[in-house]
Protein backbone atom coordinates (compact mmCIF):
# COMPACT_ATOMS: atom_id res chain seq x y z
CA MET A 1 3.97 -52.65 42.13
CA ASN A 2 4.26 -52.55 45.91
CA GLY A 3 2.81 -56.04 46.04
CA TYR A 4 5.68 -57.32 43.89
CA VAL A 5 8.30 -55.67 46.09
CA GLN A 6 6.77 -57.15 49.23
CA THR A 7 6.61 -60.54 47.54
CA LEU A 8 10.31 -60.25 46.69
CA GLN A 9 11.30 -59.10 50.18
CA LYS A 10 9.64 -62.06 51.96
CA PRO A 11 12.10 -64.65 50.59
CA LEU A 12 14.97 -62.34 51.60
CA LEU A 13 13.76 -62.32 55.19
CA ALA A 14 13.43 -66.09 55.10
CA VAL A 15 17.04 -66.43 53.86
CA THR A 16 18.42 -64.23 56.61
CA GLN A 17 16.32 -65.97 59.25
CA ASN A 18 17.50 -69.43 58.11
CA GLY A 19 21.07 -68.37 58.85
CA GLU A 20 22.49 -68.84 55.37
CA GLY A 21 24.95 -66.14 56.18
CA LYS A 22 25.90 -62.83 54.65
CA LYS A 23 27.11 -64.22 51.31
CA GLY A 24 23.97 -66.28 50.82
CA ALA A 25 21.80 -63.28 51.66
CA GLU A 26 23.74 -61.04 49.25
CA SER A 27 23.46 -63.53 46.39
CA ARG A 28 19.75 -63.95 47.11
CA LEU A 29 19.35 -60.16 47.22
CA ILE A 30 21.05 -59.83 43.82
CA GLU A 31 18.78 -62.54 42.43
CA LEU A 32 15.72 -60.78 43.82
CA GLU A 33 16.84 -57.42 42.40
CA LYS A 34 17.18 -59.04 38.96
CA ARG A 35 13.73 -60.54 39.32
CA ARG A 36 12.33 -57.15 40.37
CA GLY A 37 13.89 -55.56 37.27
CA GLU A 38 12.30 -58.25 35.09
CA VAL A 39 8.92 -57.68 36.71
CA GLN A 40 9.22 -53.92 36.22
CA ARG A 41 10.11 -54.37 32.54
CA ALA A 42 7.18 -56.75 32.11
CA GLU A 43 4.89 -54.21 33.75
CA ILE A 44 6.08 -51.45 31.41
CA ALA A 45 5.57 -53.74 28.41
CA GLN A 46 2.03 -54.58 29.57
CA ARG A 47 1.24 -50.89 30.03
CA GLU A 48 2.42 -50.17 26.49
CA ILE A 49 0.27 -53.00 25.14
CA ALA A 50 -2.71 -51.62 27.09
CA LYS A 51 -2.13 -48.13 25.65
CA GLU A 52 -1.98 -49.52 22.10
CA GLU A 53 -5.15 -51.54 22.62
CA GLN A 54 -6.91 -48.50 24.10
CA PHE A 55 -5.86 -46.45 21.07
CA LYS A 56 -7.22 -49.11 18.71
CA GLY A 57 -10.50 -49.29 20.61
CA ASP A 58 -10.85 -45.51 20.64
CA ALA A 59 -10.23 -45.39 16.90
CA ILE A 60 -13.20 -47.73 16.38
CA TYR A 61 -15.47 -46.17 19.02
CA TRP A 62 -15.01 -42.47 18.25
CA VAL A 63 -15.62 -42.86 14.53
CA ILE A 64 -19.02 -44.37 15.27
CA TYR A 65 -20.11 -42.21 18.20
CA ASN A 66 -18.37 -38.87 17.53
CA LEU A 67 -21.11 -36.26 17.51
CA ASP A 68 -18.69 -33.48 16.53
CA ILE A 69 -18.62 -34.57 12.89
CA LYS A 70 -20.52 -32.17 10.66
CA ASN A 71 -23.50 -33.22 8.56
CA PRO A 72 -22.12 -33.87 5.05
CA ARG A 73 -25.46 -32.84 3.51
CA GLY A 74 -25.76 -29.68 5.60
CA LYS A 75 -25.11 -26.18 4.33
CA GLN A 76 -21.72 -24.62 4.74
CA ASP A 77 -21.35 -21.99 7.43
CA PHE A 78 -21.74 -18.41 6.27
CA GLU A 79 -18.67 -16.38 5.54
CA HIS A 80 -17.61 -13.81 8.13
CA ARG A 81 -17.00 -10.42 6.52
CA PRO A 82 -15.56 -7.18 7.84
CA PRO A 83 -18.03 -4.68 9.35
CA GLU A 84 -17.54 -2.12 6.54
CA GLN A 85 -18.50 -4.66 3.93
CA LEU A 86 -21.51 -5.77 5.96
CA GLY A 87 -22.69 -2.15 6.29
CA ASP A 88 -22.38 -1.57 2.52
CA ASP A 89 -24.28 -4.77 1.83
CA ILE A 90 -27.09 -3.77 4.21
CA LEU A 91 -27.39 -0.35 2.54
CA ARG A 92 -27.63 -1.92 -0.94
CA LYS A 93 -30.33 -4.29 0.27
CA GLU A 94 -32.27 -1.44 1.88
CA GLN A 95 -32.08 0.54 -1.39
CA ARG A 96 -33.38 -2.45 -3.29
CA ILE A 97 -36.22 -2.87 -0.78
CA ALA A 98 -37.09 0.84 -1.21
CA GLU A 99 -37.16 0.39 -5.02
CA ILE A 100 -39.46 -2.64 -4.72
CA MET A 101 -41.76 -0.76 -2.31
CA ALA A 102 -41.96 2.14 -4.78
CA GLU A 103 -42.90 -0.28 -7.58
CA ILE A 104 -45.58 -1.85 -5.35
CA LYS A 105 -47.03 1.61 -4.49
CA LEU A 106 -47.06 2.56 -8.16
CA ALA A 107 -48.79 -0.69 -9.11
CA LEU A 108 -51.35 -0.21 -6.33
CA SER A 109 -52.05 3.39 -7.30
CA GLN A 110 -52.48 2.41 -10.95
CA HIS A 111 -54.74 -0.48 -9.95
CA SER A 112 -56.87 1.66 -7.61
CA GLY A 113 -57.10 4.39 -10.29
CA ARG A 114 -58.56 1.85 -12.75
CA GLU A 115 -61.13 0.77 -10.20
CA VAL A 116 -62.23 4.39 -9.76
CA GLU A 117 -62.54 4.79 -13.55
CA GLU A 118 -64.56 1.55 -13.87
CA VAL A 119 -66.96 2.62 -11.12
CA ALA A 120 -67.42 6.07 -12.71
CA THR A 121 -68.34 4.66 -16.13
């Protein structure tokens, strides 16, 4: 932007140095101010176009390379439950484990008792 302003100021200096007078310099200054406004509007328009193009490019790029997307075939995350409910669930599972262990001990004692009977006969 500064480059444009300097470019616009150079002709103004040339006008005043050529001796065109105050009126000529003022009309040239008005003309240069209009041109500067046009350049600024063009710059804003180009920036908007660049933003739109960047948005379009990002829309294409991030869909392909976004690693944050979840695996559609993966399992769903587990459900977070309140601590009381978790404690109750753990107790039920422990009771079930105790029941299964009792069944295993009973089966083993019955099995080992048969072996003792077979050896005795």
